[in-house]
Amino acid sequence: QMQYFFKDSLIIFKNEIIITAGYNNAYGGAQSSIYSSADGKTWYEKTSSPEWQARYYSQVINHNGVLYLIAGLSQNNEPLNDVWYSTDAASWTQENVSALSP
C-alpha cells in the first residue's frame, strides 16, 4: 500500500506520475520510497530502498529522459548536497558534483 507523503517531489516521467522521497510522521519521518502511477489512481512502489538516503524537500527534474534527484533535507534536518540520476526511477547512480560543493 502506498504511503502518504508531504514535502515530496512529483514529476511526470515516461508517461507515469513519479513520487520520490518526502516526509511522513506515521512512517518514521524522512522517506526514500519511490512510487509510480499511469493513471493517478493505482500506485506501484518502484523501490523502497533506492541508493540515496531518506530525505524530504528534494527536487526532481527530467532532462533528456533522465531523472535527477537533487539535494533535500535528511532525517535530522541536515542539508544534503548530493545529486542522483536514473533512467527508470528505480535504480539510481550518484552524480559527481564535487564542483558544486562549497
Protein backbone atom coordinates (compact mmCIF):
# COMPACT_ATOMS: atom_id res chain seq x y z
CA GLN A 1 0.00 0.00 0.00
CA MET A 2 1.25 3.44 -0.89
CA GLN A 3 2.47 5.61 1.95
CA TYR A 4 1.23 9.20 2.01
CA PHE A 5 3.96 11.82 1.95
CA PHE A 6 4.26 15.53 2.15
CA LYS A 7 7.34 17.61 1.33
CA ASP A 8 7.90 15.16 -1.54
CA SER A 9 8.74 15.57 -5.22
CA LEU A 10 6.37 14.73 -8.03
CA ILE A 11 7.15 14.59 -11.75
CA ILE A 12 5.78 13.12 -14.97
CA PHE A 13 8.32 10.69 -16.46
CA LYS A 14 7.84 8.25 -19.34
CA ASN A 15 4.04 8.54 -19.18
CA GLU A 16 3.92 7.90 -15.42
CA ILE A 17 3.48 10.07 -12.35
CA ILE A 18 6.53 9.56 -10.13
CA ILE A 19 6.63 10.49 -6.42
CA THR A 20 10.02 10.45 -4.72
CA ALA A 21 11.02 10.76 -1.09
CA GLY A 22 9.10 13.02 1.25
CA TYR A 23 8.08 13.05 4.89
CA ASN A 24 5.55 11.04 6.87
CA ASN A 25 5.40 11.10 10.67
CA ALA A 26 3.46 7.83 10.81
CA TYR A 27 6.27 6.04 8.92
CA GLY A 28 9.23 7.48 10.81
CA GLY A 29 9.84 10.85 9.19
CA ALA A 30 12.02 11.23 6.08
CA GLN A 31 11.28 8.65 3.38
CA SER A 32 13.09 7.17 0.41
CA SER A 33 10.37 5.13 -1.31
CA ILE A 34 9.52 5.82 -4.95
CA TYR A 35 6.02 5.28 -6.32
CA SER A 36 4.61 5.45 -9.83
CA SER A 37 1.18 5.57 -11.42
CA ALA A 38 -0.03 5.64 -15.01
CA ASP A 39 -3.50 6.91 -14.06
CA GLY A 40 -3.15 8.63 -10.66
CA LYS A 41 -5.43 6.01 -9.04
CA THR A 42 -3.36 2.84 -8.92
CA TRP A 43 0.11 3.23 -7.44
CA TYR A 44 3.09 0.87 -7.51
CA GLU A 45 6.22 1.00 -5.41
CA LYS A 46 9.20 1.20 -7.75
CA THR A 47 11.59 0.73 -4.84
CA SER A 48 11.56 1.14 -1.07
CA SER A 49 15.33 1.39 -0.84
CA PRO A 50 16.96 3.48 -3.55
CA GLU A 51 20.70 4.04 -3.35
CA TRP A 52 20.27 7.50 -1.78
CA GLN A 53 19.35 8.15 1.85
CA ALA A 54 15.87 9.09 3.03
CA ARG A 55 15.09 12.77 2.54
CA TYR A 56 12.42 15.39 2.06
CA TYR A 57 12.27 18.74 0.26
CA SER A 58 14.40 17.31 -2.55
CA GLN A 59 13.86 18.35 -6.16
CA VAL A 60 13.43 16.05 -9.15
CA ILE A 61 13.87 17.12 -12.76
CA ASN A 62 13.62 15.29 -16.07
CA HIS A 63 16.36 16.21 -18.53
CA ASN A 64 16.57 14.34 -21.84
CA GLY A 65 14.86 11.24 -20.46
CA VAL A 66 16.94 11.08 -17.28
CA LEU A 67 15.60 11.86 -13.81
CA TYR A 68 17.82 13.84 -11.47
CA LEU A 69 17.11 13.91 -7.73
CA ILE A 70 18.77 16.93 -6.16
CA ALA A 71 19.63 17.58 -2.51
CA GLY A 72 16.97 17.91 0.20
CA LEU A 73 17.00 17.57 3.97
CA SER A 74 17.98 14.44 5.89
CA GLN A 75 16.05 12.77 8.70
CA ASN A 76 17.94 15.06 11.11
CA ASN A 77 17.10 18.22 9.10
CA GLU A 78 20.67 18.39 7.78
CA PRO A 79 21.05 19.81 4.27
CA LEU A 80 22.06 17.26 1.62
CA ASN A 81 24.06 18.41 -1.40
CA ASP A 82 24.10 15.23 -3.45
CA VAL A 83 22.68 14.58 -6.93
CA TRP A 84 21.44 11.20 -8.20
CA TYR A 85 20.23 10.16 -11.65
CA SER A 86 18.07 7.37 -13.06
CA THR A 87 16.69 6.26 -16.41
CA ASP A 88 13.93 4.11 -14.87
CA ALA A 89 13.09 5.78 -11.49
CA ALA A 90 14.05 2.56 -9.68
CA SER A 91 17.87 2.30 -9.93
CA TRP A 92 19.90 5.39 -9.08
CA THR A 93 23.54 6.42 -9.54
CA GLN A 94 25.27 9.27 -7.75
CA GLU A 95 26.40 12.12 -9.99
CA ASN A 96 29.85 13.58 -9.44
CA VAL A 97 29.07 17.02 -8.05
CA SER A 98 32.35 17.90 -6.35
CA ALA A 99 32.43 21.17 -8.27
CA LEU A 100 29.18 22.19 -6.55
CA SER A 101 30.48 21.73 -3.01
CA PRO A 102 31.42 24.89 -1.12
